[in-house]
Amino acid sequence: MTPTELPADLATLLSVQAFIYREARLLDDGLLEEWLSLFAEDGEYILPIKDGPPPEPAIIRDSHARIEERVYRLSSTLAHSQRPRSRTQHEITNIELLETNQPNEVLVACNQTVHELRPGNPFQVGLADPRSLHARCRYRLKANDGSWLIREKCCFLINREYPIYNLTFIF
């Protein structure tokens, strides 16, 4: 191997990082239709209540059809819970490849912090009050024409056992 060549795992890690950073940018910019295109047809978006494998109860457990519905509701209807729309900033750290032994599929872990602000009157509960939500995330990605598609995005919110008001933006 020459100094300009990257080991296969490092090249995979770099492409996965770029993919996850792009996903965060699309969410922060409100480009939900483009974000939806990152999901495989069998993709799922999950925010579990407890640790453990499915079918543990979940705050959100969306199939691809439910993700499409969520995107439609947030971008094309007067969803009261997102009027005004949340401003978010996703911060992603500790991206790690957990499994690369499946052909054309990887399991990835990372930490995410989402800073959220809904502009509005400070006398309205939850408006004009910045908050941060933290999660340990797991992605199952499958290779697709030189990029990746999300087969599963599972975010374990660290405060998931406690009341969380208006979790209608996409983590």
N, C-alpha and C. Protein backbone atom coordinates (compact mmCIF):
# COMPACT_ATOMS: atom_id res chain seq x y z
N MET A 1 0.85 -1.17 0.00
CA MET A 1 0.00 0.00 0.00
C MET A 1 0.90 1.24 0.00
N THR A 2 0.59 2.18 -0.88
CA THR A 2 1.35 3.42 -0.94
C THR A 2 0.74 4.42 0.04
N PRO A 3 1.48 5.50 0.37
CA PRO A 3 0.94 6.48 1.32
C PRO A 3 -0.35 7.16 0.85
N THR A 4 -0.62 7.16 -0.43
CA THR A 4 -1.85 7.80 -0.92
C THR A 4 -3.05 6.86 -0.94
N GLU A 5 -2.81 5.56 -0.75
CA GLU A 5 -3.92 4.61 -0.71
C GLU A 5 -4.47 4.51 0.71
N LEU A 6 -5.78 4.34 0.80
CA LEU A 6 -6.42 4.21 2.11
C LEU A 6 -6.85 2.76 2.30
N PRO A 7 -6.71 2.25 3.52
CA PRO A 7 -7.26 0.91 3.77
C PRO A 7 -8.77 0.93 3.51
N ALA A 8 -9.32 -0.19 3.12
CA ALA A 8 -10.74 -0.27 2.76
C ALA A 8 -11.63 0.23 3.89
N ASP A 9 -11.34 -0.15 5.14
CA ASP A 9 -12.18 0.30 6.25
C ASP A 9 -12.13 1.81 6.44
N LEU A 10 -10.96 2.40 6.25
CA LEU A 10 -10.85 3.85 6.39
C LEU A 10 -11.61 4.56 5.28
N ALA A 11 -11.50 4.07 4.07
CA ALA A 11 -12.25 4.65 2.95
C ALA A 11 -13.75 4.53 3.21
N THR A 12 -14.19 3.39 3.74
CA THR A 12 -15.61 3.21 4.07
C THR A 12 -16.02 4.17 5.17
N LEU A 13 -15.20 4.31 6.21
CA LEU A 13 -15.51 5.23 7.30
C LEU A 13 -15.66 6.66 6.78
N LEU A 14 -14.76 7.09 5.92
CA LEU A 14 -14.83 8.45 5.39
C LEU A 14 -16.09 8.66 4.55
N SER A 15 -16.46 7.66 3.75
CA SER A 15 -17.68 7.82 2.95
C SER A 15 -18.92 7.81 3.83
N VAL A 16 -18.91 6.99 4.89
CA VAL A 16 -20.04 6.96 5.84
C VAL A 16 -20.14 8.30 6.57
N GLN A 17 -19.01 8.84 7.02
CA GLN A 17 -19.03 10.15 7.68
C GLN A 17 -19.63 11.21 6.78
N ALA A 18 -19.17 11.26 5.54
CA ALA A 18 -19.69 12.26 4.60
C ALA A 18 -21.20 12.09 4.42
N PHE A 19 -21.67 10.85 4.36
CA PHE A 19 -23.09 10.58 4.20
C PHE A 19 -23.88 11.08 5.42
N ILE A 20 -23.42 10.77 6.61
CA ILE A 20 -24.14 11.17 7.82
C ILE A 20 -24.11 12.69 7.99
N TYR A 21 -22.99 13.32 7.66
CA TYR A 21 -22.92 14.79 7.71
C TYR A 21 -23.89 15.42 6.71
N ARG A 22 -24.00 14.81 5.53
CA ARG A 22 -24.95 15.31 4.53
C ARG A 22 -26.39 15.18 5.04
N GLU A 23 -26.69 14.04 5.67
CA GLU A 23 -28.03 13.86 6.23
C GLU A 23 -28.34 14.97 7.22
N ALA A 24 -27.39 15.29 8.09
CA ALA A 24 -27.60 16.35 9.09
C ALA A 24 -27.84 17.70 8.42
N ARG A 25 -27.07 18.00 7.38
CA ARG A 25 -27.24 19.28 6.69
C ARG A 25 -28.63 19.37 6.05
N LEU A 26 -29.08 18.28 5.42
CA LEU A 26 -30.41 18.29 4.80
C LEU A 26 -31.49 18.55 5.84
N LEU A 27 -31.39 17.92 7.01
CA LEU A 27 -32.37 18.13 8.07
C LEU A 27 -32.32 19.58 8.57
N ASP A 28 -31.12 20.09 8.81
CA ASP A 28 -30.99 21.46 9.32
C ASP A 28 -31.47 22.50 8.31
N ASP A 29 -31.31 22.21 7.02
CA ASP A 29 -31.76 23.14 5.98
C ASP A 29 -33.23 22.95 5.63
N GLY A 30 -33.90 21.99 6.26
CA GLY A 30 -35.32 21.76 5.99
C GLY A 30 -35.58 21.10 4.65
N LEU A 31 -34.60 20.42 4.09
CA LEU A 31 -34.74 19.76 2.79
C LEU A 31 -35.22 18.32 3.00
N LEU A 32 -36.46 18.20 3.46
CA LEU A 32 -36.98 16.90 3.89
C LEU A 32 -37.20 15.93 2.75
N GLU A 33 -37.59 16.40 1.58
CA GLU A 33 -37.74 15.50 0.43
C GLU A 33 -36.40 14.88 0.06
N GLU A 34 -35.34 15.69 0.06
CA GLU A 34 -34.00 15.15 -0.21
C GLU A 34 -33.58 14.18 0.89
N TRP A 35 -33.91 14.51 2.15
CA TRP A 35 -33.59 13.62 3.27
C TRP A 35 -34.29 12.28 3.08
N LEU A 36 -35.56 12.32 2.67
CA LEU A 36 -36.33 11.09 2.45
C LEU A 36 -35.65 10.22 1.40
N SER A 37 -35.03 10.82 0.40
CA SER A 37 -34.37 10.04 -0.66
C SER A 37 -33.15 9.28 -0.16
N LEU A 38 -32.69 9.56 1.07
CA LEU A 38 -31.56 8.85 1.64
C LEU A 38 -31.96 7.48 2.19
N PHE A 39 -33.27 7.21 2.28
CA PHE A 39 -33.76 5.95 2.86
C PHE A 39 -34.01 4.91 1.79
N ALA A 40 -33.64 3.68 2.11
CA ALA A 40 -33.98 2.53 1.26
C ALA A 40 -35.49 2.30 1.36
N GLU A 41 -36.03 1.58 0.39
CA GLU A 41 -37.47 1.29 0.40
C GLU A 41 -37.90 0.53 1.65
N ASP A 42 -36.99 -0.25 2.25
CA ASP A 42 -37.30 -0.98 3.48
C ASP A 42 -36.75 -0.25 4.71
N GLY A 43 -36.41 1.03 4.54
CA GLY A 43 -35.80 1.80 5.62
C GLY A 43 -36.75 2.10 6.76
N GLU A 44 -36.18 2.22 7.96
CA GLU A 44 -36.94 2.55 9.16
C GLU A 44 -36.27 3.68 9.92
N TYR A 45 -37.09 4.48 10.62
CA TYR A 45 -36.63 5.57 11.48
C TYR A 45 -37.22 5.29 12.86
N ILE A 46 -36.35 5.08 13.88
CA ILE A 46 -36.82 4.60 15.18
C ILE A 46 -36.22 5.44 16.30
N LEU A 47 -37.07 5.84 17.25
CA LEU A 47 -36.63 6.42 18.51
C LEU A 47 -37.21 5.53 19.61
N PRO A 48 -36.44 4.55 20.09
CA PRO A 48 -36.96 3.61 21.09
C PRO A 48 -37.15 4.25 22.47
N ILE A 49 -37.99 3.63 23.27
CA ILE A 49 -38.16 4.05 24.66
C ILE A 49 -37.15 3.35 25.55
N LYS A 50 -36.87 2.06 25.24
CA LYS A 50 -35.94 1.28 26.04
C LYS A 50 -34.84 0.73 25.17
N ASP A 51 -33.72 0.38 25.80
CA ASP A 51 -32.65 -0.31 25.08
C ASP A 51 -33.12 -1.71 24.74
N GLY A 52 -32.62 -2.24 23.68
CA GLY A 52 -32.95 -3.62 23.31
C GLY A 52 -33.40 -3.70 21.87
N PRO A 53 -33.43 -4.92 21.36
CA PRO A 53 -33.82 -5.10 19.97
C PRO A 53 -35.33 -4.92 19.79
N PRO A 54 -35.76 -4.61 18.55
CA PRO A 54 -37.20 -4.55 18.29
C PRO A 54 -37.83 -5.88 18.67
N PRO A 55 -39.05 -5.95 19.08
CA PRO A 55 -40.06 -4.91 19.00
C PRO A 55 -40.24 -4.11 20.29
N GLU A 56 -39.18 -3.63 20.89
CA GLU A 56 -39.32 -2.78 22.07
C GLU A 56 -40.24 -1.60 21.74
N PRO A 57 -40.96 -1.10 22.75
CA PRO A 57 -41.81 0.07 22.48
C PRO A 57 -40.96 1.25 22.03
N ALA A 58 -41.57 2.10 21.22
CA ALA A 58 -40.81 3.22 20.66
C ALA A 58 -41.63 4.51 20.72
N ILE A 59 -40.93 5.61 20.87
CA ILE A 59 -41.55 6.93 20.73
C ILE A 59 -41.97 7.10 19.28
N ILE A 60 -41.06 6.72 18.38
CA ILE A 60 -41.32 6.75 16.93
C ILE A 60 -40.79 5.45 16.35
N ARG A 61 -41.59 4.80 15.52
CA ARG A 61 -41.15 3.64 14.75
C ARG A 61 -41.82 3.77 13.38
N ASP A 62 -41.10 4.39 12.46
CA ASP A 62 -41.66 4.68 11.15
C ASP A 62 -41.08 3.76 10.08
N SER A 63 -41.97 3.12 9.35
CA SER A 63 -41.59 2.42 8.12
C SER A 63 -41.36 3.48 7.05
N HIS A 64 -40.94 3.06 5.87
CA HIS A 64 -40.72 4.03 4.79
C HIS A 64 -42.00 4.81 4.48
N ALA A 65 -43.14 4.11 4.46
CA ALA A 65 -44.42 4.79 4.18
C ALA A 65 -44.72 5.84 5.25
N ARG A 66 -44.45 5.52 6.51
CA ARG A 66 -44.69 6.48 7.60
C ARG A 66 -43.69 7.65 7.54
N ILE A 67 -42.46 7.38 7.10
CA ILE A 67 -41.48 8.47 6.93
C ILE A 67 -41.99 9.41 5.84
N GLU A 68 -42.49 8.85 4.73
CA GLU A 68 -43.05 9.67 3.66
C GLU A 68 -44.19 10.53 4.19
N GLU A 69 -45.06 9.93 5.00
CA GLU A 69 -46.18 10.67 5.58
C GLU A 69 -45.68 11.79 6.49
N ARG A 70 -44.66 11.51 7.30
CA ARG A 70 -44.09 12.51 8.20
C ARG A 70 -43.51 13.68 7.40
N VAL A 71 -42.78 13.37 6.35
CA VAL A 71 -42.19 14.42 5.50
C VAL A 71 -43.29 15.25 4.85
N TYR A 72 -44.32 14.60 4.33
CA TYR A 72 -45.44 15.31 3.71
C TYR A 72 -46.11 16.24 4.72
N ARG A 73 -46.39 15.71 5.90
CA ARG A 73 -47.07 16.50 6.94
C ARG A 73 -46.24 17.72 7.34
N LEU A 74 -44.93 17.53 7.50
CA LEU A 74 -44.07 18.63 7.94
C LEU A 74 -43.80 19.65 6.84
N SER A 75 -43.80 19.21 5.58
CA SER A 75 -43.43 20.13 4.51
C SER A 75 -44.60 20.65 3.69
N SER A 76 -45.75 19.97 3.73
CA SER A 76 -46.84 20.35 2.82
C SER A 76 -48.16 20.65 3.50
N THR A 77 -48.24 20.55 4.79
CA THR A 77 -49.49 20.84 5.49
C THR A 77 -49.22 21.88 6.57
N LEU A 78 -50.27 22.34 7.19
CA LEU A 78 -50.13 23.30 8.29
C LEU A 78 -49.99 22.55 9.61
N ALA A 79 -48.89 21.82 9.74
CA ALA A 79 -48.63 21.07 10.97
C ALA A 79 -48.43 22.06 12.11
N HIS A 80 -49.43 22.17 12.96
CA HIS A 80 -49.39 23.15 14.05
C HIS A 80 -48.13 23.01 14.91
N SER A 81 -47.71 21.78 15.14
CA SER A 81 -46.55 21.55 16.00
C SER A 81 -45.25 22.05 15.40
N GLN A 82 -45.24 22.38 14.10
CA GLN A 82 -44.04 22.91 13.45
C GLN A 82 -44.34 24.22 12.73
N ARG A 83 -45.22 25.03 13.31
CA ARG A 83 -45.49 26.37 12.83
C ARG A 83 -45.31 27.32 13.99
N PRO A 84 -44.25 28.04 14.10
CA PRO A 84 -43.15 28.12 13.15
C PRO A 84 -42.26 26.88 13.24
N ARG A 85 -41.57 26.61 12.11
CA ARG A 85 -40.70 25.45 12.00
C ARG A 85 -39.50 25.57 12.94
N SER A 86 -39.16 24.46 13.56
CA SER A 86 -37.98 24.42 14.42
C SER A 86 -36.73 24.71 13.60
N ARG A 87 -35.84 25.47 14.19
CA ARG A 87 -34.50 25.64 13.64
C ARG A 87 -33.63 24.63 14.38
N THR A 88 -32.92 23.82 13.63
CA THR A 88 -32.10 22.79 14.27
C THR A 88 -30.66 22.88 13.81
N GLN A 89 -29.81 22.37 14.66
CA GLN A 89 -28.39 22.20 14.33
C GLN A 89 -27.97 20.84 14.87
N HIS A 90 -27.68 19.93 13.94
CA HIS A 90 -27.25 18.57 14.31
C HIS A 90 -25.73 18.56 14.46
N GLU A 91 -25.26 18.06 15.56
CA GLU A 91 -23.83 17.86 15.77
C GLU A 91 -23.59 16.37 15.92
N ILE A 92 -22.64 15.86 15.15
CA ILE A 92 -22.38 14.43 15.11
C ILE A 92 -20.93 14.18 15.51
N THR A 93 -20.74 13.23 16.43
CA THR A 93 -19.40 12.89 16.88
C THR A 93 -19.26 11.38 16.99
N ASN A 94 -18.04 10.94 17.20
CA ASN A 94 -17.72 9.55 17.52
C ASN A 94 -18.28 8.56 16.50
N ILE A 95 -18.17 8.87 15.23
CA ILE A 95 -18.64 7.93 14.20
C ILE A 95 -17.71 6.73 14.17
N GLU A 96 -18.31 5.56 14.26
CA GLU A 96 -17.53 4.33 14.34
C GLU A 96 -18.20 3.23 13.53
N LEU A 97 -17.42 2.52 12.74
CA LEU A 97 -17.93 1.35 12.03
C LEU A 97 -17.98 0.18 13.01
N LEU A 98 -19.16 -0.38 13.22
CA LEU A 98 -19.30 -1.52 14.12
C LEU A 98 -19.20 -2.84 13.39
N GLU A 99 -19.80 -2.90 12.21
CA GLU A 99 -19.78 -4.13 11.41
C GLU A 99 -19.57 -3.76 9.95
N THR A 100 -18.65 -4.44 9.33
CA THR A 100 -18.43 -4.26 7.89
C THR A 100 -18.36 -5.61 7.19
N ASN A 101 -18.77 -6.66 7.89
CA ASN A 101 -18.60 -8.01 7.35
C ASN A 101 -19.72 -8.46 6.42
N GLN A 102 -20.83 -7.72 6.38
CA GLN A 102 -21.91 -8.05 5.45
C GLN A 102 -21.60 -7.43 4.09
N PRO A 103 -21.83 -8.14 3.01
CA PRO A 103 -21.57 -7.54 1.71
C PRO A 103 -22.53 -6.36 1.46
N ASN A 104 -21.98 -5.24 1.08
CA ASN A 104 -22.75 -4.04 0.71
C ASN A 104 -23.57 -3.46 1.86
N GLU A 105 -23.19 -3.73 3.11
CA GLU A 105 -23.93 -3.19 4.25
C GLU A 105 -22.97 -2.92 5.40
N VAL A 106 -23.21 -1.84 6.14
CA VAL A 106 -22.39 -1.52 7.31
C VAL A 106 -23.31 -1.13 8.46
N LEU A 107 -22.84 -1.37 9.67
CA LEU A 107 -23.51 -0.92 10.88
C LEU A 107 -22.62 0.15 11.48
N VAL A 108 -23.20 1.31 11.76
CA VAL A 108 -22.45 2.48 12.20
C VAL A 108 -23.05 3.00 13.49
N ALA A 109 -22.18 3.43 14.41
CA ALA A 109 -22.64 4.08 15.64
C ALA A 109 -22.09 5.50 15.65
N CYS A 110 -22.83 6.40 16.29
CA CYS A 110 -22.35 7.77 16.48
C CYS A 110 -23.16 8.41 17.60
N ASN A 111 -22.68 9.53 18.04
CA ASN A 111 -23.42 10.35 19.00
C ASN A 111 -23.96 11.56 18.25
N GLN A 112 -25.17 11.96 18.61
CA GLN A 112 -25.75 13.15 17.99
C GLN A 112 -26.33 14.04 19.07
N THR A 113 -26.12 15.33 18.89
CA THR A 113 -26.78 16.35 19.68
C THR A 113 -27.54 17.22 18.70
N VAL A 114 -28.81 17.42 18.98
CA VAL A 114 -29.61 18.32 18.14
C VAL A 114 -29.99 19.51 19.01
N HIS A 115 -29.53 20.68 18.56
CA HIS A 115 -29.93 21.93 19.19
C HIS A 115 -31.16 22.41 18.43
N GLU A 116 -32.21 22.74 19.17
CA GLU A 116 -33.47 23.12 18.54
C GLU A 116 -33.98 24.41 19.13
N LEU A 117 -34.53 25.25 18.27
CA LEU A 117 -35.18 26.48 18.69
C LEU A 117 -36.41 26.68 17.81
N ARG A 118 -37.53 26.86 18.45
CA ARG A 118 -38.74 27.26 17.71
C ARG A 118 -38.97 28.73 18.00
N PRO A 119 -38.82 29.56 16.96
CA PRO A 119 -39.01 31.00 17.19
C PRO A 119 -40.46 31.27 17.58
N GLY A 120 -40.65 32.36 18.28
CA GLY A 120 -42.01 32.73 18.67
C GLY A 120 -41.99 33.52 19.96
N ASN A 121 -43.15 33.65 20.55
CA ASN A 121 -43.36 34.42 21.76
C ASN A 121 -42.81 33.66 22.96
N PRO A 122 -41.93 34.27 23.76
CA PRO A 122 -41.37 33.55 24.90
C PRO A 122 -42.40 33.17 25.96
N PHE A 123 -43.62 33.73 25.87
CA PHE A 123 -44.65 33.38 26.84
C PHE A 123 -45.40 32.11 26.44
N GLN A 124 -45.13 31.58 25.25
CA GLN A 124 -45.72 30.32 24.82
C GLN A 124 -44.76 29.20 25.22
N VAL A 125 -45.27 28.17 25.86
CA VAL A 125 -44.43 27.07 26.31
C VAL A 125 -43.71 26.44 25.12
N GLY A 126 -42.39 26.36 25.22
CA GLY A 126 -41.60 25.71 24.19
C GLY A 126 -41.15 26.60 23.05
N LEU A 127 -41.67 27.82 22.97
CA LEU A 127 -41.25 28.72 21.91
C LEU A 127 -40.20 29.69 22.45
N ALA A 128 -39.25 30.03 21.61
CA ALA A 128 -38.16 30.96 21.94
C ALA A 128 -37.33 30.45 23.12
N ASP A 129 -37.33 29.13 23.30
CA ASP A 129 -36.58 28.52 24.39
C ASP A 129 -35.67 27.45 23.81
N PRO A 130 -34.38 27.76 23.61
CA PRO A 130 -33.50 26.75 23.00
C PRO A 130 -33.36 25.52 23.89
N ARG A 131 -33.23 24.38 23.25
CA ARG A 131 -33.00 23.13 23.99
C ARG A 131 -32.08 22.24 23.18
N SER A 132 -31.47 21.31 23.87
CA SER A 132 -30.58 20.34 23.23
C SER A 132 -31.04 18.94 23.60
N LEU A 133 -31.07 18.08 22.61
CA LEU A 133 -31.41 16.68 22.82
C LEU A 133 -30.21 15.84 22.38
N HIS A 134 -29.91 14.83 23.15
CA HIS A 134 -28.70 14.02 22.91
C HIS A 134 -29.10 12.57 22.70
N ALA A 135 -28.39 11.91 21.79
CA ALA A 135 -28.71 10.51 21.50
C ALA A 135 -27.47 9.75 21.07
N ARG A 136 -27.53 8.46 21.34
CA ARG A 136 -26.59 7.51 20.76
C ARG A 136 -27.33 6.89 19.57
N CYS A 137 -26.75 7.01 18.40
CA CYS A 137 -27.45 6.58 17.19
C CYS A 137 -26.78 5.38 16.56
N ARG A 138 -27.60 4.60 15.90
CA ARG A 138 -27.11 3.44 15.17
C ARG A 138 -27.75 3.50 13.78
N TYR A 139 -26.91 3.39 12.78
CA TYR A 139 -27.37 3.36 11.38
C TYR A 139 -27.02 2.01 10.78
N ARG A 140 -27.93 1.44 10.04
CA ARG A 140 -27.62 0.31 9.18
C ARG A 140 -27.74 0.86 7.76
N LEU A 141 -26.59 0.91 7.07
CA LEU A 141 -26.53 1.50 5.74
C LEU A 141 -26.25 0.42 4.71
N LYS A 142 -26.84 0.58 3.53
CA LYS A 142 -26.52 -0.35 2.45
C LYS A 142 -25.96 0.44 1.27
N ALA A 143 -24.99 -0.17 0.62
CA ALA A 143 -24.34 0.47 -0.52
C ALA A 143 -25.33 0.61 -1.66
N ASN A 144 -25.22 1.77 -2.36
CA ASN A 144 -26.12 2.05 -3.47
C ASN A 144 -25.42 2.96 -4.48
N ASP A 145 -24.94 2.40 -5.56
CA ASP A 145 -24.33 3.18 -6.65
C ASP A 145 -23.28 4.18 -6.16
N GLY A 146 -22.34 3.71 -5.36
CA GLY A 146 -21.25 4.57 -4.90
C GLY A 146 -21.59 5.44 -3.70
N SER A 147 -22.80 5.32 -3.17
CA SER A 147 -23.18 6.06 -1.97
C SER A 147 -23.84 5.07 -1.00
N TRP A 148 -24.67 5.59 -0.13
CA TRP A 148 -25.32 4.78 0.88
C TRP A 148 -26.81 5.08 0.92
N LEU A 149 -27.58 4.13 1.39
CA LEU A 149 -28.99 4.31 1.72
C LEU A 149 -29.19 3.84 3.15
N ILE A 150 -30.11 4.49 3.85
CA ILE A 150 -30.40 4.14 5.25
C ILE A 150 -31.42 3.00 5.26
N ARG A 151 -31.02 1.87 5.84
CA ARG A 151 -31.98 0.78 6.08
C ARG A 151 -32.59 0.93 7.46
N GLU A 152 -31.82 1.51 8.40
CA GLU A 152 -32.35 1.75 9.74
C GLU A 152 -31.58 2.90 10.36
N LYS A 153 -32.34 3.84 10.91
CA LYS A 153 -31.76 4.90 11.74
C LYS A 153 -32.46 4.79 13.09
N CYS A 154 -31.67 4.46 14.11
CA CYS A 154 -32.22 4.23 15.44
C CYS A 154 -31.49 5.16 16.41
N CYS A 155 -32.22 6.07 17.02
CA CYS A 155 -31.63 7.06 17.93
C CYS A 155 -32.13 6.82 19.35
N PHE A 156 -31.20 6.48 20.24
CA PHE A 156 -31.52 6.23 21.64
C PHE A 156 -31.32 7.53 22.40
N LEU A 157 -32.40 8.29 22.57
CA LEU A 157 -32.31 9.55 23.31
C LEU A 157 -31.89 9.25 24.74
N ILE A 158 -30.95 10.02 25.27
CA ILE A 158 -30.48 9.69 26.61
C ILE A 158 -31.50 10.05 27.69
N ASN A 159 -32.48 10.90 27.37
CA ASN A 159 -33.52 11.25 28.34
C ASN A 159 -34.88 10.69 27.92
N ARG A 160 -34.89 9.57 27.21
CA ARG A 160 -36.11 9.05 26.61
C ARG A 160 -37.16 8.60 27.61
N GLU A 161 -36.78 8.35 28.86
CA GLU A 161 -37.77 7.90 29.86
C GLU A 161 -38.54 9.07 30.46
N TYR A 162 -38.16 10.29 30.14
CA TYR A 162 -38.77 11.47 30.74
C TYR A 162 -39.62 12.20 29.71
N PRO A 163 -40.57 13.01 30.17
CA PRO A 163 -41.40 13.74 29.21
C PRO A 163 -40.57 14.63 28.29
N ILE A 164 -40.87 14.58 27.03
CA ILE A 164 -40.21 15.42 26.02
C ILE A 164 -41.33 16.07 25.22
N TYR A 165 -41.50 17.37 25.36
CA TYR A 165 -42.57 18.03 24.63
C TYR A 165 -42.17 18.25 23.17
N ASN A 166 -43.14 18.20 22.33
CA ASN A 166 -43.02 18.54 20.91
C ASN A 166 -41.78 17.97 20.23
N LEU A 167 -41.73 16.69 20.12
CA LEU A 167 -40.63 16.03 19.41
C LEU A 167 -41.10 15.76 17.98
N THR A 168 -41.47 16.83 17.28
CA THR A 168 -42.02 16.68 15.93
C THR A 168 -41.02 17.00 14.83
N PHE A 169 -39.88 17.59 15.16
CA PHE A 169 -38.84 17.74 14.16
C PHE A 169 -38.15 16.39 14.01
N ILE A 170 -37.35 16.23 12.98
CA ILE A 170 -36.69 14.94 12.74
C ILE A 170 -35.31 14.94 13.37
N PHE A 171 -35.06 13.92 14.19
CA PHE A 171 -33.79 13.82 14.90
C PHE A 171 -32.73 13.43 13.95
